[in-house]
């Protein structure tokens, strides 16, 4: 994977694709980083009560089991 941040000087940008990516499906994203930061600042803060009822009982049980397993991994000796 290749990830970089650039400041374009013109409305065109030439991109060289690595040889091992040729013929493969790749994703190219173009967005302004300051737009992302503005969206985060403008996003309203949500409380936990707003998520009440979103998960079904089986989804809740599955998520809860995953959380317990993950927390148990924090306590193990490495």
PDB file of N, CA and C in Angstrom:
ATOM      1  N   UNK A   1       0.850  -1.170   0.000  1.00  0.00           N
ATOM      2  CA  UNK A   1       0.000   0.000   0.000  1.00  0.00           C
ATOM      3  C   UNK A   1       0.896   1.234   0.000  1.00  0.00           C
ATOM      4  N   UNK A   2       0.466   2.213  -0.732  1.00  0.00           N
ATOM      5  CA  UNK A   2       1.190   3.478  -0.798  1.00  0.00           C
ATOM      6  C   UNK A   2       0.219   4.580  -0.392  1.00  0.00           C
ATOM      7  N   UNK A   3       0.634   5.400   0.569  1.00  0.00           N
ATOM      8  CA  UNK A   3      -0.195   6.517   1.003  1.00  0.00           C
ATOM      9  C   UNK A   3       0.699   7.721   1.164  1.00  0.00           C
ATOM     10  N   UNK A   4       0.280   8.842   0.603  1.00  0.00           N
ATOM     11  CA  UNK A   4       1.060  10.059   0.721  1.00  0.00           C
ATOM     12  C   UNK A   4       0.131  11.260   0.708  1.00  0.00           C
ATOM     13  N   UNK A   5       0.614  12.365   1.216  1.00  0.00           N
ATOM     14  CA  UNK A   5      -0.127  13.620   1.195  1.00  0.00           C
ATOM     15  C   UNK A   5       0.662  14.586   0.333  1.00  0.00           C
ATOM     16  N   UNK A   6      -0.009  15.254  -0.596  1.00  0.00           N
ATOM     17  CA  UNK A   6       0.653  16.205  -1.488  1.00  0.00           C
ATOM     18  C   UNK A   6      -0.128  17.507  -1.509  1.00  0.00           C
ATOM     19  N   UNK A   7       0.537  18.569  -1.937  1.00  0.00           N
ATOM     20  CA  UNK A   7      -0.118  19.848  -2.192  1.00  0.00           C
ATOM     21  C   UNK A   7       0.034  20.112  -3.682  1.00  0.00           C
ATOM     22  N   UNK A   8      -1.025  19.895  -4.469  1.00  0.00           N
ATOM     23  CA  UNK A   8      -0.913  20.073  -5.913  1.00  0.00           C
ATOM     24  C   UNK A   8      -0.690  21.540  -6.274  1.00  0.00           C
ATOM     25  N   UNK A   9       0.101  21.747  -7.301  1.00  0.00           N
ATOM     26  CA  UNK A   9       0.388  23.097  -7.783  1.00  0.00           C
ATOM     27  C   UNK A   9      -0.431  23.442  -9.026  1.00  0.00           C
ATOM     28  N   UNK A  10      -1.073  22.438  -9.619  1.00  0.00           N
ATOM     29  CA  UNK A  10      -1.884  22.618 -10.821  1.00  0.00           C
ATOM     30  C   UNK A  10      -3.141  21.764 -10.675  1.00  0.00           C
ATOM     31  N   UNK A  11      -4.062  21.874 -11.631  1.00  0.00           N
ATOM     32  CA  UNK A  11      -5.296  21.099 -11.557  1.00  0.00           C
ATOM     33  C   UNK A  11      -5.120  19.666 -12.043  1.00  0.00           C
ATOM     34  N   UNK A  12      -3.941  19.299 -12.494  1.00  0.00           N
ATOM     35  CA  UNK A  12      -3.657  17.926 -12.905  1.00  0.00           C
ATOM     36  C   UNK A  12      -2.546  17.360 -12.036  1.00  0.00           C
ATOM     37  N   UNK A  13      -2.594  16.038 -11.840  1.00  0.00           N
ATOM     38  CA  UNK A  13      -1.579  15.361 -11.047  1.00  0.00           C
ATOM     39  C   UNK A  13      -1.257  14.042 -11.746  1.00  0.00           C
ATOM     40  N   UNK A  14       0.015  13.796 -12.026  1.00  0.00           N
ATOM     41  CA  UNK A  14       0.425  12.561 -12.691  1.00  0.00           C
ATOM     42  C   UNK A  14       0.774  11.531 -11.629  1.00  0.00           C
ATOM     43  N   UNK A  15       0.201  10.357 -11.763  1.00  0.00           N
ATOM     44  CA  UNK A  15       0.380   9.299 -10.783  1.00  0.00           C
ATOM     45  C   UNK A  15       1.043   8.107 -11.457  1.00  0.00           C
ATOM     46  N   UNK A  16       2.191   7.680 -10.939  1.00  0.00           N
ATOM     47  CA  UNK A  16       2.865   6.489 -11.448  1.00  0.00           C
ATOM     48  C   UNK A  16       2.417   5.291 -10.627  1.00  0.00           C
ATOM     49  N   UNK A  17       1.913   4.272 -11.312  1.00  0.00           N
ATOM     50  CA  UNK A  17       1.422   3.063 -10.658  1.00  0.00           C
ATOM     51  C   UNK A  17       2.564   2.064 -10.564  1.00  0.00           C
ATOM     52  N   UNK A  18       2.841   1.503  -9.372  1.00  0.00           N
ATOM     53  CA  UNK A  18       3.894   0.492  -9.234  1.00  0.00           C
ATOM     54  C   UNK A  18       3.605  -0.718 -10.136  1.00  0.00           C
ATOM     55  N   UNK A  19       4.650  -1.324 -10.699  1.00  0.00           N
ATOM     56  CA  UNK A  19       4.456  -2.447 -11.626  1.00  0.00           C
ATOM     57  C   UNK A  19       3.606  -3.585 -11.052  1.00  0.00           C
ATOM     58  N   UNK A  20       3.739  -3.885  -9.765  1.00  0.00           N
ATOM     59  CA  UNK A  20       2.967  -4.996  -9.201  1.00  0.00           C
ATOM     60  C   UNK A  20       1.491  -4.646  -8.989  1.00  0.00           C
ATOM     61  N   UNK A  21       1.093  -3.381  -9.200  1.00  0.00           N
ATOM     62  CA  UNK A  21      -0.307  -2.982  -9.111  1.00  0.00           C
ATOM     63  C   UNK A  21      -0.988  -2.974 -10.478  1.00  0.00           C
ATOM     64  N   UNK A  22      -0.214  -3.025 -11.550  1.00  0.00           N
ATOM     65  CA  UNK A  22      -0.775  -2.992 -12.905  1.00  0.00           C
ATOM     66  C   UNK A  22      -1.635  -4.237 -13.119  1.00  0.00           C
ATOM     67  N   UNK A  23      -2.833  -4.033 -13.631  1.00  0.00           N
ATOM     68  CA  UNK A  23      -3.754  -5.130 -13.879  1.00  0.00           C
ATOM     69  C   UNK A  23      -4.594  -5.517 -12.677  1.00  0.00           C
ATOM     70  N   UNK A  24      -4.393  -4.842 -11.561  1.00  0.00           N
ATOM     71  CA  UNK A  24      -5.155  -5.128 -10.344  1.00  0.00           C
ATOM     72  C   UNK A  24      -6.131  -3.990 -10.083  1.00  0.00           C
ATOM     73  N   UNK A  25      -7.184  -4.284  -9.344  1.00  0.00           N
ATOM     74  CA  UNK A  25      -8.151  -3.264  -8.969  1.00  0.00           C
ATOM     75  C   UNK A  25      -7.546  -2.443  -7.831  1.00  0.00           C
ATOM     76  N   UNK A  26      -7.446  -1.129  -8.032  1.00  0.00           N
ATOM     77  CA  UNK A  26      -6.894  -0.241  -7.005  1.00  0.00           C
ATOM     78  C   UNK A  26      -7.905   0.870  -6.719  1.00  0.00           C
ATOM     79  N   UNK A  27      -7.733   1.523  -5.594  1.00  0.00           N
ATOM     80  CA  UNK A  27      -8.607   2.627  -5.211  1.00  0.00           C
ATOM     81  C   UNK A  27      -7.781   3.899  -5.147  1.00  0.00           C
ATOM     82  N   UNK A  28      -8.294   4.954  -5.758  1.00  0.00           N
ATOM     83  CA  UNK A  28      -7.627   6.255  -5.735  1.00  0.00           C
ATOM     84  C   UNK A  28      -8.616   7.254  -5.151  1.00  0.00           C
ATOM     85  N   UNK A  29      -8.237   7.891  -4.058  1.00  0.00           N
ATOM     86  CA  UNK A  29      -9.088   8.875  -3.387  1.00  0.00           C
ATOM     87  C   UNK A  29      -8.448  10.252  -3.495  1.00  0.00           C
ATOM     88  N   UNK A  30      -9.275  11.259  -3.716  1.00  0.00           N
ATOM     89  CA  UNK A  30      -8.790  12.636  -3.715  1.00  0.00           C
ATOM     90  C   UNK A  30      -9.738  13.441  -2.838  1.00  0.00           C
ATOM     91  N   UNK A  31      -9.220  13.983  -1.747  1.00  0.00           N
ATOM     92  CA  UNK A  31     -10.009  14.817  -0.864  1.00  0.00           C
ATOM     93  C   UNK A  31      -9.072  15.779  -0.154  1.00  0.00           C
ATOM     94  N   UNK A  32      -9.615  16.897   0.263  1.00  0.00           N
ATOM     95  CA  UNK A  32      -8.829  17.898   0.993  1.00  0.00           C
ATOM     96  C   UNK A  32      -8.868  17.574   2.479  1.00  0.00           C
ATOM     97  N   UNK A  33      -7.721  17.479   3.105  1.00  0.00           N
ATOM     98  CA  UNK A  33      -7.650  17.124   4.517  1.00  0.00           C
ATOM     99  C   UNK A  33      -8.376  18.129   5.398  1.00  0.00           C
ATOM    100  N   UNK A  34      -8.339  19.405   5.039  1.00  0.00           N
ATOM    101  CA  UNK A  34      -9.026  20.393   5.873  1.00  0.00           C
ATOM    102  C   UNK A  34     -10.539  20.215   5.825  1.00  0.00           C
ATOM    103  N   UNK A  35     -11.083  19.657   4.735  1.00  0.00           N
ATOM    104  CA  UNK A  35     -12.516  19.376   4.679  1.00  0.00           C
ATOM    105  C   UNK A  35     -12.889  18.290   5.679  1.00  0.00           C
ATOM    106  N   UNK A  36     -12.047  17.289   5.811  1.00  0.00           N
ATOM    107  CA  UNK A  36     -12.298  16.195   6.751  1.00  0.00           C
ATOM    108  C   UNK A  36     -12.311  16.743   8.172  1.00  0.00           C
ATOM    109  N   UNK A  37     -11.354  17.586   8.511  1.00  0.00           N
ATOM    110  CA  UNK A  37     -11.281  18.151   9.852  1.00  0.00           C
ATOM    111  C   UNK A  37     -12.481  19.038  10.143  1.00  0.00           C
ATOM    112  N   UNK A  38     -12.943  19.792   9.133  1.00  0.00           N
ATOM    113  CA  UNK A  38     -14.122  20.645   9.319  1.00  0.00           C
ATOM    114  C   UNK A  38     -15.352  19.803   9.585  1.00  0.00           C
ATOM    115  N   UNK A  39     -15.502  18.687   8.854  1.00  0.00           N
ATOM    116  CA  UNK A  39     -16.648  17.811   9.057  1.00  0.00           C
ATOM    117  C   UNK A  39     -16.661  17.254  10.474  1.00  0.00           C
ATOM    118  N   UNK A  40     -15.510  16.884  10.989  1.00  0.00           N
ATOM    119  CA  UNK A  40     -15.428  16.335  12.346  1.00  0.00           C
ATOM    120  C   UNK A  40     -15.820  17.379  13.382  1.00  0.00           C
ATOM    121  N   UNK A  41     -15.393  18.627  13.178  1.00  0.00           N
ATOM    122  CA  UNK A  41     -15.722  19.687  14.122  1.00  0.00           C
ATOM    123  C   UNK A  41     -17.213  19.981  14.116  1.00  0.00           C
ATOM    124  N   UNK A  42     -17.832  19.906  12.919  1.00  0.00           N
ATOM    125  CA  UNK A  42     -19.244  20.246  12.785  1.00  0.00           C
ATOM    126  C   UNK A  42     -20.170  19.109  13.202  1.00  0.00           C
ATOM    127  N   UNK A  43     -19.641  17.905  13.312  1.00  0.00           N
ATOM    128  CA  UNK A  43     -20.487  16.758  13.648  1.00  0.00           C
ATOM    129  C   UNK A  43     -21.045  16.924  15.058  1.00  0.00           C
ATOM    130  N   UNK A  44     -22.344  16.753  15.209  1.00  0.00           N
ATOM    131  CA  UNK A  44     -22.922  16.886  16.552  1.00  0.00           C
ATOM    132  C   UNK A  44     -22.488  15.733  17.445  1.00  0.00           C
ATOM    133  N   UNK A  45     -22.277  16.037  18.700  1.00  0.00           N
ATOM    134  CA  UNK A  45     -21.906  15.005  19.669  1.00  0.00           C
ATOM    135  C   UNK A  45     -23.145  14.201  20.016  1.00  0.00           C
ATOM    136  N   UNK A  46     -22.991  12.869  20.037  1.00  0.00           N
ATOM    137  CA  UNK A  46     -24.115  11.999  20.357  1.00  0.00           C
ATOM    138  C   UNK A  46     -23.892  11.361  21.717  1.00  0.00           C
ATOM    139  N   UNK A  47     -24.975  11.158  22.418  1.00  0.00           N
ATOM    140  CA  UNK A  47     -24.894  10.461  23.698  1.00  0.00           C
ATOM    141  C   UNK A  47     -25.205   8.988  23.464  1.00  0.00           C
ATOM    142  N   UNK A  48     -24.832   8.152  24.413  1.00  0.00           N
ATOM    143  CA  UNK A  48     -25.084   6.720  24.284  1.00  0.00           C
ATOM    144  C   UNK A  48     -26.572   6.410  24.191  1.00  0.00           C
ATOM    145  N   UNK A  49     -27.402   7.223  24.814  1.00  0.00           N
ATOM    146  CA  UNK A  49     -28.842   6.960  24.790  1.00  0.00           C
ATOM    147  C   UNK A  49     -29.418   7.051  23.375  1.00  0.00           C
ATOM    148  N   UNK A  50     -28.756   7.772  22.482  1.00  0.00           N
ATOM    149  CA  UNK A  50     -29.237   7.875  21.110  1.00  0.00           C
ATOM    150  C   UNK A  50     -29.072   6.568  20.338  1.00  0.00           C
ATOM    151  N   UNK A  51     -28.248   5.661  20.833  1.00  0.00           N
ATOM    152  CA  UNK A  51     -28.013   4.394  20.157  1.00  0.00           C
ATOM    153  C   UNK A  51     -28.887   3.273  20.713  1.00  0.00           C
ATOM    154  N   UNK A  52     -29.695   3.577  21.695  1.00  0.00           N
ATOM    155  CA  UNK A  52     -30.546   2.574  22.332  1.00  0.00           C
ATOM    156  C   UNK A  52     -31.501   1.949  21.311  1.00  0.00           C
ATOM    157  N   UNK A  53     -31.546   0.625  21.283  1.00  0.00           N
ATOM    158  CA  UNK A  53     -32.459  -0.085  20.399  1.00  0.00           C
ATOM    159  C   UNK A  53     -31.945  -0.336  18.998  1.00  0.00           C
ATOM    160  N   UNK A  54     -30.730   0.077  18.683  1.00  0.00           N
ATOM    161  CA  UNK A  54     -30.187  -0.113  17.339  1.00  0.00           C
ATOM    162  C   UNK A  54     -29.821  -1.577  17.098  1.00  0.00           C
ATOM    163  N   UNK A  55     -29.250  -2.237  18.091  1.00  0.00           N
ATOM    164  CA  UNK A  55     -28.824  -3.625  17.944  1.00  0.00           C
ATOM    165  C   UNK A  55     -29.939  -4.586  18.349  1.00  0.00           C
ATOM    166  N   UNK A  56     -30.035  -5.678  17.606  1.00  0.00           N
ATOM    167  CA  UNK A  56     -30.943  -6.739  18.034  1.00  0.00           C
ATOM    168  C   UNK A  56     -30.297  -7.462  19.211  1.00  0.00           C
ATOM    169  N   UNK A  57     -31.053  -8.309  19.877  1.00  0.00           N
ATOM    170  CA  UNK A  57     -30.519  -9.044  21.029  1.00  0.00           C
ATOM    171  C   UNK A  57     -29.343  -9.919  20.616  1.00  0.00           C
ATOM    172  N   UNK A  58     -29.440 -10.596  19.460  1.00  0.00           N
ATOM    173  CA  UNK A  58     -28.342 -11.473  19.021  1.00  0.00           C
ATOM    174  C   UNK A  58     -27.106 -10.654  18.635  1.00  0.00           C
ATOM    175  N   UNK A  59     -27.310  -9.483  18.014  1.00  0.00           N
ATOM    176  CA  UNK A  59     -26.174  -8.609  17.681  1.00  0.00           C
ATOM    177  C   UNK A  59     -25.510  -8.107  18.957  1.00  0.00           C
ATOM    178  N   UNK A  60     -26.332  -7.766  19.942  1.00  0.00           N
ATOM    179  CA  UNK A  60     -25.805  -7.304  21.222  1.00  0.00           C
ATOM    180  C   UNK A  60     -24.965  -8.390  21.884  1.00  0.00           C
ATOM    181  N   UNK A  61     -25.487  -9.621  21.917  1.00  0.00           N
ATOM    182  CA  UNK A  61     -24.768 -10.726  22.551  1.00  0.00           C
ATOM    183  C   UNK A  61     -23.439 -10.982  21.841  1.00  0.00           C
ATOM    184  N   UNK A  62     -23.455 -10.946  20.510  1.00  0.00           N
ATOM    185  CA  UNK A  62     -22.231 -11.163  19.737  1.00  0.00           C
ATOM    186  C   UNK A  62     -21.206 -10.060  20.011  1.00  0.00           C
ATOM    187  N   UNK A  63     -21.663  -8.815  19.998  1.00  0.00           N
ATOM    188  CA  UNK A  63     -20.776  -7.685  20.263  1.00  0.00           C
ATOM    189  C   UNK A  63     -20.234  -7.740  21.684  1.00  0.00           C
ATOM    190  N   UNK A  64     -21.081  -8.074  22.643  1.00  0.00           N
ATOM    191  CA  UNK A  64     -20.668  -8.150  24.038  1.00  0.00           C
ATOM    192  C   UNK A  64     -19.614  -9.246  24.241  1.00  0.00           C
ATOM    193  N   UNK A  65     -19.791 -10.394  23.583  1.00  0.00           N
ATOM    194  CA  UNK A  65     -18.811 -11.478  23.677  1.00  0.00           C
ATOM    195  C   UNK A  65     -17.472 -11.038  23.088  1.00  0.00           C
ATOM    196  N   UNK A  66     -17.526 -10.329  21.973  1.00  0.00           N
ATOM    197  CA  UNK A  66     -16.293  -9.833  21.345  1.00  0.00           C
ATOM    198  C   UNK A  66     -15.579  -8.835  22.264  1.00  0.00           C
ATOM    199  N   UNK A  67     -16.328  -7.951  22.885  1.00  0.00           N
ATOM    200  CA  UNK A  67     -15.744  -6.966  23.794  1.00  0.00           C
ATOM    201  C   UNK A  67     -15.077  -7.656  24.987  1.00  0.00           C
ATOM    202  N   UNK A  68     -15.759  -8.645  25.562  1.00  0.00           N
ATOM    203  CA  UNK A  68     -15.191  -9.377  26.698  1.00  0.00           C
ATOM    204  C   UNK A  68     -13.896 -10.079  26.299  1.00  0.00           C
ATOM    205  N   UNK A  69     -13.890 -10.701  25.106  1.00  0.00           N
ATOM    206  CA  UNK A  69     -12.688 -11.387  24.625  1.00  0.00           C
ATOM    207  C   UNK A  69     -11.545 -10.390  24.429  1.00  0.00           C
ATOM    208  N   UNK A  70     -11.858  -9.258  23.830  1.00  0.00           N
ATOM    209  CA  UNK A  70     -10.836  -8.235  23.585  1.00  0.00           C
ATOM    210  C   UNK A  70     -10.271  -7.706  24.898  1.00  0.00           C
ATOM    211  N   UNK A  71     -11.125  -7.445  25.860  1.00  0.00           N
ATOM    212  CA  UNK A  71     -10.659  -6.939  27.163  1.00  0.00           C
ATOM    213  C   UNK A  71      -9.820  -7.977  27.890  1.00  0.00           C
ATOM    214  N   UNK A  72     -10.169  -9.249  27.746  1.00  0.00           N
ATOM    215  CA  UNK A  72      -9.386 -10.308  28.384  1.00  0.00           C
ATOM    216  C   UNK A  72      -7.975 -10.367  27.783  1.00  0.00           C
ATOM    217  N   UNK A  73      -7.867 -10.035  26.487  1.00  0.00           N
ATOM    218  CA  UNK A  73      -6.550 -10.027  25.837  1.00  0.00           C
ATOM    219  C   UNK A  73      -5.678  -8.904  26.397  1.00  0.00           C
ATOM    220  N   UNK A  74      -6.270  -7.809  26.838  1.00  0.00           N
ATOM    221  CA  UNK A  74      -5.496  -6.712  27.406  1.00  0.00           C
ATOM    222  C   UNK A  74      -4.778  -7.169  28.680  1.00  0.00           C
ATOM    223  N   UNK A  75      -5.401  -8.048  29.441  1.00  0.00           N
ATOM    224  CA  UNK A  75      -4.871  -8.455  30.736  1.00  0.00           C
ATOM    225  C   UNK A  75      -3.844  -9.575  30.655  1.00  0.00           C
ATOM    226  N   UNK A  76      -3.667 -10.173  29.493  1.00  0.00           N
ATOM    227  CA  UNK A  76      -2.717 -11.302  29.408  1.00  0.00           C
ATOM    228  C   UNK A  76      -1.269 -10.818  29.365  1.00  0.00           C
ATOM    229  N   UNK A  77      -0.384 -11.648  29.801  1.00  0.00           N
ATOM    230  CA  UNK A  77       1.049 -11.331  29.747  1.00  0.00           C
ATOM    231  C   UNK A  77       1.573 -11.614  28.356  1.00  0.00           C
ATOM    232  N   UNK A  78       2.392 -10.729  27.871  1.00  0.00           N
ATOM    233  CA  UNK A  78       2.950 -10.884  26.511  1.00  0.00           C
ATOM    234  C   UNK A  78       4.346 -11.432  26.611  1.00  0.00           C
TER     235      UNK A  78
END
